[in-house]
Amino acid sequence: MTAQQFLRWQAYEAIEPFSGKAADLRISSVVQALYNINRDTKKKSQPFTLLEIYAHFIKEQEALSTPKKRTQTWQQQKAIFKMMADAMNAAVRQKVQA
């Protein structure tokens, strides 16, 4: 990419942002439109705002990106290591017999 092409992309990005946050906002606006088209006006008289949808979207992303803490008992860890040792020993036995 030439320096001139890079400058043109920078100028374009200033007009039409294509960062992750901008993409999240664009998707949120589409979801907002769909929610408002299909909302039950008896249950929710006011339309959904972009901020409501975006906040929900961000919470979902954070929940998905937060690793779940897994705990194992020492008995479970022992069973896993035994399975691994058995598999490795079987592979060694096959090589020795071959």
N, C-alpha and C. Protein backbone atom coordinates (compact mmCIF):
# COMPACT_ATOMS: atom_id res chain seq x y z
N MET A 1 0.85 -1.16 0.00
CA MET A 1 0.00 0.00 0.00
C MET A 1 0.90 1.23 0.00
N THR A 2 0.59 2.15 -0.85
CA THR A 2 1.39 3.37 -0.92
C THR A 2 0.96 4.34 0.19
N ALA A 3 1.78 5.34 0.43
CA ALA A 3 1.46 6.34 1.44
C ALA A 3 0.19 7.10 1.05
N GLN A 4 0.02 7.35 -0.24
CA GLN A 4 -1.17 8.07 -0.71
C GLN A 4 -2.43 7.23 -0.47
N GLN A 5 -2.36 5.92 -0.73
CA GLN A 5 -3.51 5.05 -0.47
C GLN A 5 -3.84 5.02 1.02
N PHE A 6 -2.80 4.96 1.84
CA PHE A 6 -3.01 4.96 3.29
C PHE A 6 -3.73 6.23 3.75
N LEU A 7 -3.30 7.37 3.23
CA LEU A 7 -3.94 8.64 3.59
C LEU A 7 -5.40 8.67 3.13
N ARG A 8 -5.67 8.10 1.98
CA ARG A 8 -7.06 8.05 1.50
C ARG A 8 -7.92 7.17 2.41
N TRP A 9 -7.35 6.04 2.85
CA TRP A 9 -8.10 5.17 3.77
C TRP A 9 -8.34 5.87 5.10
N GLN A 10 -7.35 6.63 5.58
CA GLN A 10 -7.54 7.38 6.82
C GLN A 10 -8.66 8.41 6.66
N ALA A 11 -8.68 9.08 5.54
CA ALA A 11 -9.74 10.07 5.29
C ALA A 11 -11.10 9.39 5.21
N TYR A 12 -11.17 8.26 4.53
CA TYR A 12 -12.43 7.52 4.43
C TYR A 12 -12.91 7.05 5.80
N GLU A 13 -11.98 6.57 6.63
CA GLU A 13 -12.34 6.09 7.95
C GLU A 13 -12.85 7.23 8.84
N ALA A 14 -12.35 8.44 8.61
CA ALA A 14 -12.83 9.60 9.36
C ALA A 14 -14.29 9.91 9.02
N ILE A 15 -14.68 9.64 7.77
CA ILE A 15 -16.07 9.89 7.34
C ILE A 15 -16.98 8.72 7.69
N GLU A 16 -16.52 7.52 7.40
CA GLU A 16 -17.28 6.29 7.64
C GLU A 16 -16.46 5.36 8.53
N PRO A 17 -16.55 5.52 9.85
CA PRO A 17 -15.72 4.68 10.74
C PRO A 17 -16.01 3.19 10.53
N PHE A 18 -14.95 2.42 10.50
CA PHE A 18 -15.13 0.97 10.37
C PHE A 18 -14.45 0.22 11.50
N SER A 19 -14.32 0.89 12.64
CA SER A 19 -13.75 0.23 13.82
C SER A 19 -14.76 -0.73 14.42
N GLY A 20 -14.32 -1.49 15.43
CA GLY A 20 -15.22 -2.44 16.09
C GLY A 20 -16.41 -1.76 16.73
N LYS A 21 -16.17 -0.63 17.40
CA LYS A 21 -17.28 0.08 18.06
C LYS A 21 -18.28 0.60 17.04
N ALA A 22 -17.78 1.11 15.92
CA ALA A 22 -18.69 1.60 14.87
C ALA A 22 -19.53 0.44 14.32
N ALA A 23 -18.91 -0.71 14.14
CA ALA A 23 -19.65 -1.89 13.65
C ALA A 23 -20.71 -2.31 14.66
N ASP A 24 -20.36 -2.28 15.95
CA ASP A 24 -21.34 -2.62 16.99
C ASP A 24 -22.52 -1.67 16.96
N LEU A 25 -22.25 -0.39 16.76
CA LEU A 25 -23.34 0.59 16.70
C LEU A 25 -24.22 0.38 15.47
N ARG A 26 -23.59 0.04 14.34
CA ARG A 26 -24.39 -0.22 13.13
C ARG A 26 -25.30 -1.44 13.33
N ILE A 27 -24.76 -2.48 13.90
CA ILE A 27 -25.56 -3.68 14.14
C ILE A 27 -26.67 -3.37 15.14
N SER A 28 -26.34 -2.60 16.16
CA SER A 28 -27.34 -2.23 17.16
C SER A 28 -28.48 -1.44 16.55
N SER A 29 -28.17 -0.59 15.57
CA SER A 29 -29.23 0.20 14.94
C SER A 29 -30.16 -0.69 14.10
N VAL A 30 -29.61 -1.72 13.48
CA VAL A 30 -30.45 -2.66 12.73
C VAL A 30 -31.34 -3.44 13.69
N VAL A 31 -30.74 -3.91 14.80
CA VAL A 31 -31.52 -4.65 15.80
C VAL A 31 -32.58 -3.75 16.40
N GLN A 32 -32.26 -2.50 16.64
CA GLN A 32 -33.23 -1.55 17.18
C GLN A 32 -34.43 -1.44 16.25
N ALA A 33 -34.18 -1.32 14.96
CA ALA A 33 -35.27 -1.22 14.00
C ALA A 33 -36.14 -2.47 14.03
N LEU A 34 -35.50 -3.64 14.07
CA LEU A 34 -36.26 -4.90 14.11
C LEU A 34 -37.07 -5.02 15.39
N TYR A 35 -36.47 -4.67 16.53
CA TYR A 35 -37.19 -4.71 17.80
C TYR A 35 -38.40 -3.79 17.76
N ASN A 36 -38.21 -2.58 17.24
CA ASN A 36 -39.31 -1.62 17.23
C ASN A 36 -40.42 -1.99 16.26
N ILE A 37 -40.05 -2.61 15.16
CA ILE A 37 -41.07 -3.06 14.21
C ILE A 37 -41.93 -4.16 14.83
N ASN A 38 -41.30 -5.04 15.59
CA ASN A 38 -41.99 -6.22 16.13
C ASN A 38 -42.41 -6.09 17.59
N ARG A 39 -42.21 -4.95 18.22
CA ARG A 39 -42.54 -4.84 19.65
C ARG A 39 -44.04 -4.80 19.86
N ASP A 40 -44.45 -5.29 21.00
CA ASP A 40 -45.85 -5.24 21.41
C ASP A 40 -46.08 -3.89 22.07
N THR A 41 -46.80 -3.00 21.40
CA THR A 41 -46.98 -1.64 21.91
C THR A 41 -47.82 -1.61 23.19
N LYS A 42 -48.55 -2.69 23.46
CA LYS A 42 -49.31 -2.75 24.71
C LYS A 42 -48.38 -3.02 25.89
N LYS A 43 -47.34 -3.81 25.65
CA LYS A 43 -46.38 -4.12 26.72
C LYS A 43 -45.29 -3.04 26.83
N LYS A 44 -44.88 -2.49 25.70
CA LYS A 44 -43.84 -1.45 25.69
C LYS A 44 -44.28 -0.35 24.75
N SER A 45 -44.86 0.69 25.33
CA SER A 45 -45.42 1.76 24.50
C SER A 45 -44.33 2.61 23.84
N GLN A 46 -43.21 2.82 24.53
CA GLN A 46 -42.12 3.63 23.97
C GLN A 46 -41.19 2.75 23.14
N PRO A 47 -40.72 3.27 22.02
CA PRO A 47 -39.79 2.47 21.22
C PRO A 47 -38.46 2.26 21.94
N PHE A 48 -37.80 1.18 21.57
CA PHE A 48 -36.46 0.92 22.11
C PHE A 48 -35.52 2.00 21.60
N THR A 49 -34.61 2.44 22.45
CA THR A 49 -33.60 3.42 22.02
C THR A 49 -32.34 2.68 21.60
N LEU A 50 -31.53 3.38 20.84
CA LEU A 50 -30.27 2.78 20.40
C LEU A 50 -29.39 2.48 21.61
N LEU A 51 -29.42 3.34 22.61
CA LEU A 51 -28.62 3.13 23.80
C LEU A 51 -29.04 1.85 24.54
N GLU A 52 -30.33 1.57 24.61
CA GLU A 52 -30.80 0.34 25.27
C GLU A 52 -30.25 -0.90 24.55
N ILE A 53 -30.36 -0.88 23.24
CA ILE A 53 -29.92 -2.03 22.44
C ILE A 53 -28.40 -2.18 22.53
N TYR A 54 -27.69 -1.08 22.39
CA TYR A 54 -26.23 -1.12 22.43
C TYR A 54 -25.73 -1.61 23.79
N ALA A 55 -26.35 -1.12 24.87
CA ALA A 55 -25.94 -1.55 26.21
C ALA A 55 -26.16 -3.05 26.39
N HIS A 56 -27.28 -3.56 25.89
CA HIS A 56 -27.56 -4.99 25.97
C HIS A 56 -26.53 -5.78 25.16
N PHE A 57 -26.20 -5.27 23.98
CA PHE A 57 -25.23 -5.93 23.10
C PHE A 57 -23.86 -6.01 23.78
N ILE A 58 -23.44 -4.93 24.42
CA ILE A 58 -22.15 -4.90 25.10
C ILE A 58 -22.14 -5.87 26.27
N LYS A 59 -23.24 -5.93 27.05
CA LYS A 59 -23.32 -6.87 28.17
C LYS A 59 -23.18 -8.30 27.69
N GLU A 60 -23.84 -8.62 26.58
CA GLU A 60 -23.76 -9.98 26.02
C GLU A 60 -22.33 -10.30 25.59
N GLN A 61 -21.67 -9.34 24.94
CA GLN A 61 -20.29 -9.57 24.51
C GLN A 61 -19.38 -9.80 25.71
N GLU A 62 -19.55 -9.01 26.76
CA GLU A 62 -18.72 -9.17 27.95
C GLU A 62 -18.97 -10.52 28.61
N ALA A 63 -20.22 -10.94 28.64
CA ALA A 63 -20.54 -12.23 29.24
C ALA A 63 -19.90 -13.37 28.45
N LEU A 64 -19.90 -13.25 27.13
CA LEU A 64 -19.31 -14.30 26.30
C LEU A 64 -17.78 -14.30 26.38
N SER A 65 -17.18 -13.13 26.57
CA SER A 65 -15.73 -13.07 26.58
C SER A 65 -15.13 -13.33 27.97
N THR A 66 -15.95 -13.33 29.00
CA THR A 66 -15.45 -13.62 30.34
C THR A 66 -15.32 -15.13 30.50
N PRO A 67 -14.10 -15.61 30.73
CA PRO A 67 -13.93 -17.06 30.85
C PRO A 67 -14.62 -17.59 32.11
N LYS A 68 -15.23 -18.73 31.96
CA LYS A 68 -15.87 -19.40 33.09
C LYS A 68 -14.80 -20.11 33.89
N LYS A 69 -14.83 -19.94 35.19
CA LYS A 69 -13.85 -20.60 36.05
C LYS A 69 -14.31 -22.04 36.26
N ARG A 70 -13.44 -22.95 35.87
CA ARG A 70 -13.73 -24.37 36.05
C ARG A 70 -12.88 -24.89 37.19
N THR A 71 -13.49 -25.65 38.05
CA THR A 71 -12.73 -26.25 39.14
C THR A 71 -12.82 -27.77 39.00
N GLN A 72 -11.74 -28.42 39.37
CA GLN A 72 -11.68 -29.88 39.32
C GLN A 72 -11.20 -30.38 40.68
N THR A 73 -11.75 -31.48 41.05
CA THR A 73 -11.26 -32.11 42.27
C THR A 73 -9.94 -32.82 41.94
N TRP A 74 -9.21 -33.19 42.97
CA TRP A 74 -7.96 -33.90 42.72
C TRP A 74 -8.25 -35.27 42.11
N GLN A 75 -9.44 -35.85 42.41
CA GLN A 75 -9.79 -37.14 41.84
C GLN A 75 -10.02 -37.02 40.32
N GLN A 76 -10.65 -35.92 39.91
CA GLN A 76 -10.86 -35.71 38.47
C GLN A 76 -9.52 -35.50 37.75
N GLN A 77 -8.64 -34.72 38.37
CA GLN A 77 -7.33 -34.50 37.77
C GLN A 77 -6.55 -35.81 37.67
N LYS A 78 -6.63 -36.64 38.71
CA LYS A 78 -5.94 -37.92 38.69
C LYS A 78 -6.47 -38.80 37.56
N ALA A 79 -7.79 -38.82 37.37
CA ALA A 79 -8.39 -39.63 36.30
C ALA A 79 -7.93 -39.14 34.92
N ILE A 80 -7.84 -37.82 34.75
CA ILE A 80 -7.40 -37.27 33.47
C ILE A 80 -5.96 -37.67 33.19
N PHE A 81 -5.08 -37.52 34.19
CA PHE A 81 -3.67 -37.90 33.99
C PHE A 81 -3.52 -39.39 33.75
N LYS A 82 -4.35 -40.20 34.39
CA LYS A 82 -4.30 -41.65 34.17
C LYS A 82 -4.67 -41.97 32.73
N MET A 83 -5.72 -41.31 32.20
CA MET A 83 -6.12 -41.53 30.81
C MET A 83 -4.99 -41.14 29.86
N MET A 84 -4.34 -40.01 30.14
CA MET A 84 -3.23 -39.56 29.29
C MET A 84 -2.07 -40.54 29.34
N ALA A 85 -1.73 -41.01 30.55
CA ALA A 85 -0.63 -41.96 30.69
C ALA A 85 -0.95 -43.27 30.00
N ASP A 86 -2.19 -43.75 30.14
CA ASP A 86 -2.59 -44.99 29.47
C ASP A 86 -2.48 -44.85 27.95
N ALA A 87 -2.91 -43.69 27.42
CA ALA A 87 -2.84 -43.46 25.97
C ALA A 87 -1.39 -43.43 25.50
N MET A 88 -0.52 -42.76 26.25
CA MET A 88 0.90 -42.69 25.87
C MET A 88 1.56 -44.05 25.98
N ASN A 89 1.25 -44.80 27.03
CA ASN A 89 1.82 -46.13 27.19
C ASN A 89 1.37 -47.06 26.07
N ALA A 90 0.12 -46.95 25.65
CA ALA A 90 -0.38 -47.77 24.55
C ALA A 90 0.37 -47.46 23.26
N ALA A 91 0.64 -46.18 23.04
CA ALA A 91 1.38 -45.78 21.83
C ALA A 91 2.80 -46.32 21.87
N VAL A 92 3.43 -46.29 23.04
CA VAL A 92 4.81 -46.81 23.18
C VAL A 92 4.81 -48.32 22.96
N ARG A 93 3.82 -49.02 23.52
CA ARG A 93 3.74 -50.48 23.35
C ARG A 93 3.59 -50.85 21.88
N GLN A 94 2.80 -50.08 21.14
CA GLN A 94 2.60 -50.36 19.72
C GLN A 94 3.91 -50.19 18.95
N LYS A 95 4.69 -49.17 19.29
CA LYS A 95 5.96 -48.96 18.60
C LYS A 95 6.94 -50.09 18.93
N VAL A 96 6.95 -50.53 20.17
CA VAL A 96 7.86 -51.60 20.59
C VAL A 96 7.50 -52.92 19.88
N GLN A 97 6.22 -53.19 19.74
CA GLN A 97 5.76 -54.43 19.11
C GLN A 97 5.96 -54.40 17.62
N ALA A 98 6.04 -53.23 17.03
CA ALA A 98 6.17 -53.13 15.56
C ALA A 98 7.54 -53.43 15.05
